[in-house]
Amino acid sequence: MTQNSATMTSKDLMNLEDKYGAHNYHPIPVVLSKGEGVYVWDNEGKKYFDFLSAYSAVNQGHCHPKIVEAMITQAKELNLTSRAFYNDKLGIYEKYMSEKFSFDKVLPMNSGAEAVETAMKICRKWGYEKKGIPNGKAKIIVCGQNFHGRTISIISFSSDPDAKGNFGPYTPGFISIPYNDLSALKKQIIEDSDHIAGFLVEPIQGEAGVNVPDEDFIMRAAEICKQHNILFIADEIQTGLARTGSMLAVCGECTCQLKCEQQNTYVHPDILILGKALSGGAYPVSAVLANDEVMEVIKPGQHGSTYGGNPMACTIAMAALDVIEEEKLMTNARKLGVIFRERMQQLIAKYDILSSVRGKGLLNAVIVNDSPESSTAWDICIRLANNGLLAKPTHGNIIRFAPPLVMTVGEIHKCCDIIDQTIKEHINS
């Protein structure tokens, strides 16, 4: 008989996960049972600010009423058909996505890792059939400290020993260069241009600790790829959909949702990868977008997903994207991001334990002035939770701060006050 979580304590529930679940995560010891907007509540009813947003999946806030209503309505009609048949939502969704992001076609998937794998398959096939790379010789350039998922092929080009260790043999065909290094990109391309099919990159490296590249890195990298007939592949799973203050991080300072190509910072990828906030956290939805010249290499039987493009996913994703536009979340993320970084700079001047802040929009990180091997950042996050704010360290001494984009000016200041109070407590403990 299924147990009722409402009658159990948080400790009971954590013990269940520890006993019956694989130990592939190390969560902050808080058991969440409810969410609304920027807030979540634990099993005992304590209220927190969510400052992680499920790794930017909940840009629109927890349980957004428009997204929830779309999900409930569609759940009562039709959930899944597989792609063995047409359904009455997929074509509408594909048109919506293609027009919104200015591409000819979209290939729907479920998880972010699936979308990245899909993009790599398309890139390799394009390399053989359109660029003329000898079969089996295609290469894709990636960046060090990347995070694109957890599948065997993706971790094959990871530089994180925890992500990669003891999972070999690894998939060949990838060249890793330092992030934000145009000279390294040029060098690899010049050495082996005829065999390089694509360059896969995050416009900002989120999991690596919010590494923000030079302002012109993405634009110039895309130009180099175009000059050498190499596909520029943007992984916007975490950075996209208003998180950094524009619809996509590759848009630079443009907030016109890809309708304007006059901005000098604008980059239109050859392949665009989306996920996470594409559903507002309500359902697994991801997508790969490309123009016909690239996407047409995929034929029936060559790629697919039973759940990809299901009516529930299509309906939810359109509602989630509508919310971004209707509630002006791009503008809000940009405005609140400036406030947050200014407040953090004040704390850095005040406390030696904090060394720097970096980010764009509401994707930010504060670097703790201690070694990555220390527990300082973790200890601070535990104190933050005790004080009603949830965040989590990455790479040891970096704390990522990424609240839902529906946060208000008053709430962002209140959260900064909590961080200030928490740092003071940690120093005095």
Protein backbone atom coordinates (compact mmCIF):
# COMPACT_ATOMS: atom_id res chain seq x y z
CA MET A 1 0.00 0.00 0.00
CA THR A 2 1.32 3.47 -0.93
CA GLN A 3 2.40 5.57 2.03
CA ASN A 4 0.93 9.05 2.54
CA SER A 5 3.72 11.65 2.55
CA ALA A 6 1.50 14.09 4.48
CA THR A 7 1.72 11.84 7.53
CA MET A 8 5.53 11.52 7.36
CA THR A 9 8.29 13.82 8.55
CA SER A 10 10.97 15.24 6.28
CA LYS A 11 13.48 12.95 7.99
CA ASP A 12 11.30 9.93 7.20
CA LEU A 13 11.10 10.91 3.55
CA MET A 14 14.84 11.55 3.25
CA ASN A 15 15.49 8.14 4.80
CA LEU A 16 13.25 6.51 2.19
CA GLU A 17 15.23 8.10 -0.64
CA ASP A 18 18.49 7.09 1.00
CA LYS A 19 17.40 3.47 1.41
CA TYR A 20 15.55 2.82 -1.84
CA GLY A 21 17.01 5.34 -4.29
CA ALA A 22 20.34 5.34 -6.11
CA HIS A 23 22.77 7.76 -4.48
CA ASN A 24 23.41 9.81 -7.62
CA TYR A 25 22.55 13.17 -6.00
CA HIS A 26 23.59 14.99 -2.84
CA PRO A 27 20.62 17.27 -2.10
CA ILE A 28 20.33 20.09 0.38
CA PRO A 29 18.46 18.39 3.30
CA VAL A 30 15.06 19.97 2.66
CA VAL A 31 11.96 18.00 1.56
CA LEU A 32 9.69 20.14 -0.60
CA SER A 33 6.00 19.43 -0.92
CA LYS A 34 4.46 22.60 -2.39
CA GLY A 35 5.40 25.44 -4.73
CA GLU A 36 3.84 28.69 -5.90
CA GLY A 37 5.59 31.43 -7.84
CA VAL A 38 8.98 32.13 -6.25
CA TYR A 39 8.15 30.17 -3.09
CA VAL A 40 8.34 26.53 -2.01
CA TRP A 41 7.27 24.89 1.24
CA ASP A 42 8.77 21.90 3.00
CA ASN A 43 6.88 18.96 4.43
CA GLU A 44 6.53 20.71 7.80
CA GLY A 45 5.13 23.86 6.21
CA LYS A 46 8.22 26.09 6.32
CA LYS A 47 8.32 28.62 3.47
CA TYR A 48 11.42 29.31 1.35
CA PHE A 49 12.49 31.49 -1.55
CA ASP A 50 13.54 29.18 -4.38
CA PHE A 51 16.81 30.55 -5.69
CA LEU A 52 17.65 27.65 -8.00
CA SER A 53 14.44 27.26 -10.06
CA ALA A 54 15.10 23.55 -10.69
CA TYR A 55 18.26 24.54 -12.57
CA SER A 56 16.31 27.18 -14.54
CA ALA A 57 13.42 24.89 -15.48
CA VAL A 58 10.95 26.95 -13.45
CA ASN A 59 11.60 30.36 -15.03
CA GLN A 60 7.84 31.04 -15.03
CA GLY A 61 7.52 30.27 -11.31
CA HIS A 62 6.18 27.18 -9.59
CA CYS A 63 2.76 25.92 -10.64
CA HIS A 64 2.00 28.87 -12.92
CA PRO A 65 -1.80 28.91 -13.25
CA LYS A 66 -1.83 29.29 -17.05
CA ILE A 67 0.56 26.37 -17.52
CA VAL A 68 -1.28 24.21 -14.97
CA GLU A 69 -4.63 24.94 -16.62
CA ALA A 70 -3.26 24.04 -20.06
CA MET A 71 -1.89 20.78 -18.64
CA ILE A 72 -5.16 19.84 -16.90
CA THR A 73 -7.29 20.65 -19.94
CA GLN A 74 -5.13 18.59 -22.29
CA ALA A 75 -4.81 15.72 -19.79
CA LYS A 76 -8.57 15.26 -19.99
CA GLU A 77 -8.51 14.99 -23.80
CA LEU A 78 -5.43 13.09 -25.02
CA ASN A 79 -2.03 12.38 -23.48
CA LEU A 80 0.00 10.24 -25.86
CA THR A 81 -0.31 8.75 -29.34
CA SER A 82 3.34 8.07 -30.17
CA ARG A 83 4.51 9.25 -33.58
CA ALA A 84 2.91 6.24 -35.26
CA PHE A 85 -0.04 8.59 -35.83
CA TYR A 86 -0.59 12.31 -36.22
CA ASN A 87 -2.07 14.23 -33.30
CA ASP A 88 -4.03 17.47 -33.30
CA LYS A 89 -1.45 19.50 -31.32
CA LEU A 90 1.94 18.69 -32.80
CA GLY A 91 1.65 20.60 -36.09
CA ILE A 92 0.31 23.66 -34.29
CA TYR A 93 3.19 23.48 -31.82
CA GLU A 94 5.80 23.01 -34.55
CA LYS A 95 4.51 26.07 -36.41
CA TYR A 96 4.45 28.07 -33.17
CA MET A 97 8.05 27.11 -32.29
CA SER A 98 9.43 27.58 -35.79
CA GLU A 99 7.94 31.05 -36.12
CA LYS A 100 8.85 32.19 -32.61
CA PHE A 101 12.50 31.20 -32.97
CA SER A 102 12.85 31.92 -36.71
CA PHE A 103 13.70 28.40 -37.91
CA ASP A 104 12.16 26.24 -40.63
CA LYS A 105 11.65 23.14 -38.52
CA VAL A 106 11.66 21.71 -35.00
CA LEU A 107 12.36 18.17 -33.82
CA PRO A 108 10.59 17.57 -30.47
CA MET A 109 12.17 15.51 -27.69
CA ASN A 110 11.78 15.18 -23.91
CA SER A 111 14.91 15.74 -21.84
CA GLY A 112 17.79 18.12 -22.38
CA ALA A 113 20.30 15.33 -22.83
CA GLU A 114 18.08 13.76 -25.51
CA ALA A 115 17.97 17.08 -27.32
CA VAL A 116 21.76 17.41 -27.23
CA GLU A 117 22.16 13.85 -28.55
CA THR A 118 19.65 14.69 -31.28
CA ALA A 119 21.58 17.79 -32.27
CA MET A 120 24.83 15.83 -32.45
CA LYS A 121 23.22 13.14 -34.62
CA ILE A 122 21.83 15.77 -36.99
CA CYS A 123 25.21 17.52 -37.09
CA ARG A 124 27.13 14.36 -37.94
CA LYS A 125 24.63 13.30 -40.60
CA TRP A 126 24.74 16.77 -42.14
CA GLY A 127 28.52 16.56 -42.12
CA TYR A 128 28.50 13.36 -44.16
CA GLU A 129 25.61 14.13 -46.52
CA LYS A 130 25.96 17.88 -47.05
CA LYS A 131 29.56 18.83 -46.25
CA GLY A 132 31.08 15.66 -47.67
CA ILE A 133 33.05 14.47 -44.65
CA PRO A 134 34.23 10.86 -45.15
CA ASN A 135 31.96 8.41 -43.33
CA GLY A 136 32.97 7.87 -39.70
CA LYS A 137 35.39 10.82 -39.66
CA ALA A 138 33.13 13.68 -38.49
CA LYS A 139 34.27 15.67 -35.47
CA ILE A 140 32.44 18.11 -33.20
CA ILE A 141 34.32 20.79 -31.26
CA VAL A 142 33.19 21.32 -27.65
CA CYS A 143 34.43 23.42 -24.74
CA GLY A 144 36.13 22.42 -21.51
CA GLN A 145 34.01 22.62 -18.33
CA ASN A 146 30.91 22.06 -20.42
CA PHE A 147 27.72 20.48 -19.14
CA HIS A 148 25.39 19.09 -21.81
CA GLY A 149 23.91 16.08 -20.00
CA ARG A 150 24.75 12.66 -18.62
CA THR A 151 24.58 10.19 -21.51
CA ILE A 152 27.64 8.16 -22.53
CA SER A 153 28.37 10.26 -25.62
CA ILE A 154 27.98 13.54 -23.75
CA ILE A 155 30.13 12.59 -20.77
CA SER A 156 32.73 11.32 -23.25
CA PHE A 157 33.74 14.95 -23.85
CA SER A 158 33.22 16.15 -20.27
CA SER A 159 36.15 17.52 -18.28
CA ASP A 160 34.45 16.76 -14.94
CA PRO A 161 36.05 13.65 -13.40
CA ASP A 162 32.88 12.85 -11.41
CA ALA A 163 30.72 12.98 -14.53
CA LYS A 164 33.18 10.98 -16.61
CA GLY A 165 35.12 8.66 -14.31
CA ASN A 166 34.75 4.88 -14.82
CA PHE A 167 32.04 5.16 -17.47
CA GLY A 168 34.26 4.31 -20.45
CA PRO A 169 34.91 3.30 -23.13
CA TYR A 170 34.06 6.74 -24.43
CA THR A 171 32.52 7.87 -27.68
CA PRO A 172 35.13 9.27 -30.11
CA GLY A 173 34.71 12.19 -32.49
CA PHE A 174 34.97 15.18 -30.15
CA ILE A 175 37.64 17.87 -29.78
CA SER A 176 37.70 19.91 -26.57
CA ILE A 177 39.04 23.46 -26.48
CA PRO A 178 39.13 25.98 -23.61
CA TYR A 179 35.90 27.95 -23.20
CA ASN A 180 35.97 31.56 -24.40
CA ASP A 181 39.11 30.94 -26.46
CA LEU A 182 38.69 32.04 -30.08
CA SER A 183 42.32 31.37 -30.94
CA ALA A 184 41.95 27.73 -29.86
CA LEU A 185 38.78 27.42 -31.95
CA LYS A 186 40.51 28.88 -35.01
CA LYS A 187 43.53 26.62 -34.51
CA GLN A 188 41.46 23.43 -34.43
CA ILE A 189 39.41 24.47 -37.44
CA ILE A 190 42.46 25.41 -39.51
CA GLU A 191 44.14 22.10 -38.64
CA ASP A 192 41.17 19.91 -39.57
CA SER A 193 38.41 21.98 -41.21
CA ASP A 194 37.44 19.24 -43.68
CA HIS A 195 36.47 16.85 -40.86
CA ILE A 196 34.79 19.24 -38.43
CA ALA A 197 31.01 19.20 -38.67
CA GLY A 198 30.00 21.43 -35.76
CA PHE A 199 30.85 23.52 -32.72
CA LEU A 200 28.65 22.79 -29.68
CA VAL A 201 28.67 25.51 -27.01
CA GLU A 202 26.75 26.96 -24.07
CA PRO A 203 26.46 30.76 -24.43
CA ILE A 204 27.05 30.88 -20.66
CA GLN A 205 28.31 27.82 -18.82
CA GLY A 206 25.79 27.35 -16.02
CA GLU A 207 26.84 24.15 -14.28
CA ALA A 208 30.50 25.20 -14.43
CA GLY A 209 29.66 28.12 -12.15
CA VAL A 210 28.06 30.66 -14.49
CA ASN A 211 31.10 31.28 -16.66
CA VAL A 212 30.26 34.32 -18.80
CA PRO A 213 32.43 34.63 -21.93
CA ASP A 214 33.78 37.80 -23.51
CA GLU A 215 31.03 39.90 -25.04
CA ASP A 216 32.03 39.06 -28.60
CA PHE A 217 32.94 35.39 -28.11
CA ILE A 218 29.66 33.86 -29.27
CA MET A 219 29.26 36.22 -32.22
CA ARG A 220 32.81 35.74 -33.46
CA ALA A 221 32.71 31.97 -32.93
CA ALA A 222 29.57 31.79 -35.06
CA GLU A 223 31.25 33.86 -37.77
CA ILE A 224 34.29 31.56 -37.79
CA CYS A 225 32.02 28.52 -38.11
CA LYS A 226 30.15 30.09 -41.02
CA GLN A 227 33.38 30.90 -42.84
CA HIS A 228 34.44 27.24 -42.67
CA ASN A 229 31.05 25.58 -43.31
CA ILE A 230 30.75 24.31 -39.74
CA LEU A 231 27.44 24.16 -37.88
CA PHE A 232 27.20 26.49 -34.89
CA ILE A 233 25.16 24.61 -32.25
CA ALA A 234 23.85 26.63 -29.29
CA ASP A 235 22.87 24.70 -26.16
CA GLU A 236 20.35 27.10 -24.59
CA ILE A 237 18.75 24.51 -22.31
CA GLN A 238 19.69 26.47 -19.19
CA THR A 239 20.48 29.92 -20.57
CA GLY A 240 17.50 30.32 -22.87
CA LEU A 241 13.89 31.43 -22.50
CA ALA A 242 14.43 34.78 -20.74
CA ARG A 243 16.84 33.52 -18.05
CA THR A 244 19.64 35.92 -19.05
CA GLY A 245 17.39 38.86 -19.92
CA SER A 246 16.71 38.01 -23.57
CA MET A 247 14.81 35.17 -25.18
CA LEU A 248 18.12 33.45 -25.92
CA ALA A 249 21.55 34.22 -24.51
CA VAL A 250 22.91 34.31 -28.09
CA CYS A 251 20.67 37.34 -28.68
CA GLY A 252 23.03 39.47 -26.64
CA GLU A 253 21.14 42.56 -25.51
CA CYS A 254 18.21 42.03 -27.89
CA THR A 255 14.81 41.36 -26.30
CA CYS A 256 12.71 41.22 -29.44
CA GLN A 257 12.31 37.42 -29.37
CA LEU A 258 14.44 36.81 -32.47
CA LYS A 259 12.27 38.94 -34.77
CA CYS A 260 15.04 41.52 -35.26
CA GLU A 261 18.35 40.54 -36.83
CA GLN A 262 19.78 44.07 -36.83
CA GLN A 263 21.38 43.85 -33.39
CA ASN A 264 25.15 43.64 -33.66
CA THR A 265 25.21 41.08 -30.86
CA TYR A 266 22.60 38.82 -32.44
CA VAL A 267 23.58 35.28 -33.45
CA HIS A 268 21.26 32.88 -35.24
CA PRO A 269 22.55 29.35 -34.54
CA ASP A 270 22.53 26.66 -37.22
CA ILE A 271 21.08 24.33 -34.56
CA LEU A 272 19.33 25.55 -31.41
CA ILE A 273 18.75 23.27 -28.40
CA LEU A 274 16.01 24.12 -25.87
CA GLY A 275 14.66 22.38 -22.76
CA LYS A 276 14.02 23.00 -19.05
CA ALA A 277 11.85 26.19 -18.99
CA LEU A 278 10.28 25.16 -22.30
CA SER A 279 7.59 23.61 -20.10
CA GLY A 280 7.90 25.91 -17.10
CA GLY A 281 8.88 22.87 -15.05
CA ALA A 282 5.52 21.16 -15.56
CA TYR A 283 6.55 18.35 -17.93
CA PRO A 284 9.68 17.02 -19.68
CA VAL A 285 9.90 18.94 -22.98
CA SER A 286 12.91 19.69 -25.16
CA ALA A 287 13.41 20.71 -28.76
CA VAL A 288 16.00 20.97 -31.50
CA LEU A 289 15.47 23.65 -34.14
CA ALA A 290 17.21 24.09 -37.50
CA ASN A 291 16.53 25.26 -41.03
CA ASP A 292 15.59 22.89 -43.83
CA GLU A 293 19.09 22.55 -45.25
CA VAL A 294 20.19 20.99 -41.96
CA MET A 295 17.03 19.30 -40.66
CA GLU A 296 16.19 17.54 -43.94
CA VAL A 297 18.99 15.00 -43.42
CA ILE A 298 16.75 13.21 -40.89
CA LYS A 299 14.41 10.74 -42.58
CA PRO A 300 11.73 8.34 -41.20
CA GLY A 301 13.22 5.61 -39.03
CA GLN A 302 16.48 7.46 -38.40
CA HIS A 303 15.57 9.20 -35.14
CA GLY A 304 12.59 9.44 -32.83
CA SER A 305 10.99 9.25 -29.41
CA THR A 306 7.76 7.65 -28.24
CA TYR A 307 6.94 10.66 -26.07
CA GLY A 308 8.54 13.37 -28.20
CA GLY A 309 5.89 15.71 -29.57
CA ASN A 310 3.05 14.26 -27.51
CA PRO A 311 -0.09 16.42 -27.12
CA MET A 312 0.56 17.15 -23.45
CA ALA A 313 4.10 18.40 -24.14
CA CYS A 314 3.03 20.56 -27.07
CA THR A 315 0.16 22.20 -25.18
CA ILE A 316 2.22 22.87 -22.07
CA ALA A 317 5.19 24.27 -23.99
CA MET A 318 3.08 26.78 -25.89
CA ALA A 319 1.48 27.98 -22.65
CA ALA A 320 4.90 28.25 -21.00
CA LEU A 321 6.30 30.35 -23.85
CA ASP A 322 3.20 32.56 -23.87
CA VAL A 323 3.80 33.32 -20.18
CA ILE A 324 7.34 34.54 -20.92
CA GLU A 325 6.02 37.05 -23.44
CA GLU A 326 2.82 38.08 -21.64
CA GLU A 327 4.53 38.71 -18.31
CA LYS A 328 7.59 40.41 -19.83
CA LEU A 329 9.96 38.04 -18.06
CA MET A 330 12.92 39.00 -20.24
CA THR A 331 12.74 42.61 -19.09
CA ASN A 332 12.20 41.55 -15.48
CA ALA A 333 15.18 39.18 -15.51
CA ARG A 334 17.42 41.88 -16.89
CA LYS A 335 16.30 44.51 -14.36
CA LEU A 336 16.45 42.22 -11.32
CA GLY A 337 19.80 40.80 -12.41
CA VAL A 338 21.36 44.25 -12.25
CA ILE A 339 19.92 44.80 -8.76
CA PHE A 340 21.14 41.41 -7.56
CA ARG A 341 24.70 41.86 -8.82
CA GLU A 342 24.88 45.37 -7.34
CA ARG A 343 23.76 44.03 -3.95
CA MET A 344 26.27 41.19 -4.15
CA GLN A 345 29.06 43.63 -4.99
CA GLN A 346 28.21 45.46 -1.79
CA LEU A 347 28.53 42.20 0.15
CA ILE A 348 31.84 41.41 -1.52
CA ALA A 349 33.16 44.78 -0.34
CA LYS A 350 31.80 44.04 3.13
CA TYR A 351 32.86 40.41 3.61
CA ASP A 352 36.26 38.91 2.72
CA ILE A 353 34.66 35.47 2.49
CA LEU A 354 33.09 36.44 -0.85
CA SER A 355 35.48 37.13 -3.73
CA SER A 356 33.33 37.94 -6.80
CA VAL A 357 29.97 37.76 -8.51
CA ARG A 358 29.29 37.02 -12.16
CA GLY A 359 26.30 36.43 -14.35
CA LYS A 360 23.73 37.87 -16.69
CA GLY A 361 20.05 38.46 -16.11
CA LEU A 362 18.93 36.17 -13.30
CA LEU A 363 21.62 33.54 -13.90
CA ASN A 364 24.32 34.45 -11.40
CA ALA A 365 26.97 32.97 -9.17
CA VAL A 366 28.91 34.18 -6.15
CA ILE A 367 32.40 32.79 -5.64
CA VAL A 368 33.33 31.95 -2.06
CA ASN A 369 36.86 32.87 -1.05
CA ASP A 370 37.90 29.34 -0.13
CA SER A 371 39.20 26.27 -1.93
CA PRO A 372 36.83 24.11 -4.00
CA GLU A 373 37.65 21.25 -1.61
CA SER A 374 36.35 23.15 1.42
CA SER A 375 32.81 22.85 2.78
CA THR A 376 32.36 26.61 3.12
CA ALA A 377 29.93 27.11 0.23
CA TRP A 378 27.90 24.07 1.30
CA ASP A 379 27.77 25.32 4.89
CA ILE A 380 26.58 28.72 3.70
CA CYS A 381 23.83 27.07 1.65
CA ILE A 382 22.68 25.09 4.69
CA ARG A 383 22.47 28.36 6.64
CA LEU A 384 20.64 29.99 3.74
CA ALA A 385 18.06 27.20 3.89
CA ASN A 386 17.68 27.68 7.63
CA ASN A 387 16.99 31.36 6.89
CA GLY A 388 14.43 30.60 4.20
CA LEU A 389 16.37 30.72 0.92
CA LEU A 390 17.32 27.69 -1.18
CA ALA A 391 20.49 27.64 -3.27
CA LYS A 392 23.17 25.04 -3.94
CA PRO A 393 26.94 25.03 -4.52
CA THR A 394 28.56 23.93 -7.74
CA HIS A 395 32.22 23.02 -8.18
CA GLY A 396 32.91 23.31 -4.47
CA ASN A 397 33.24 27.03 -3.79
CA ILE A 398 30.65 28.57 -6.15
CA ILE A 399 27.03 29.27 -5.18
CA ARG A 400 24.61 29.57 -8.10
CA PHE A 401 21.68 31.96 -7.66
CA ALA A 402 18.87 31.63 -10.22
CA PRO A 403 15.39 32.46 -8.90
CA PRO A 404 12.16 32.23 -10.93
CA LEU A 405 11.85 35.18 -13.30
CA VAL A 406 8.51 36.21 -11.79
CA MET A 407 10.29 37.59 -8.73
CA THR A 408 9.60 41.23 -7.82
CA VAL A 409 11.98 44.05 -6.91
CA GLY A 410 10.87 43.84 -3.28
CA GLU A 411 11.45 40.09 -3.19
CA ILE A 412 14.93 40.31 -4.74
CA HIS A 413 15.96 42.85 -2.09
CA LYS A 414 14.51 40.63 0.66
CA CYS A 415 16.52 37.70 -0.68
CA CYS A 416 19.69 39.80 -0.76
CA ASP A 417 19.01 40.75 2.86
CA ILE A 418 18.80 37.03 3.72
CA ILE A 419 22.12 36.37 1.99
CA ASP A 420 23.70 39.29 3.87
CA GLN A 421 22.34 38.02 7.20
CA THR A 422 23.51 34.48 6.45
CA ILE A 423 27.08 35.49 5.56
CA LYS A 424 27.28 37.53 8.76
CA GLU A 425 26.07 34.54 10.79
CA HIS A 426 28.58 32.24 9.13
CA ILE A 427 31.47 34.57 9.86
CA ASN A 428 30.44 34.98 13.49
CA SER A 429 29.83 31.28 14.12
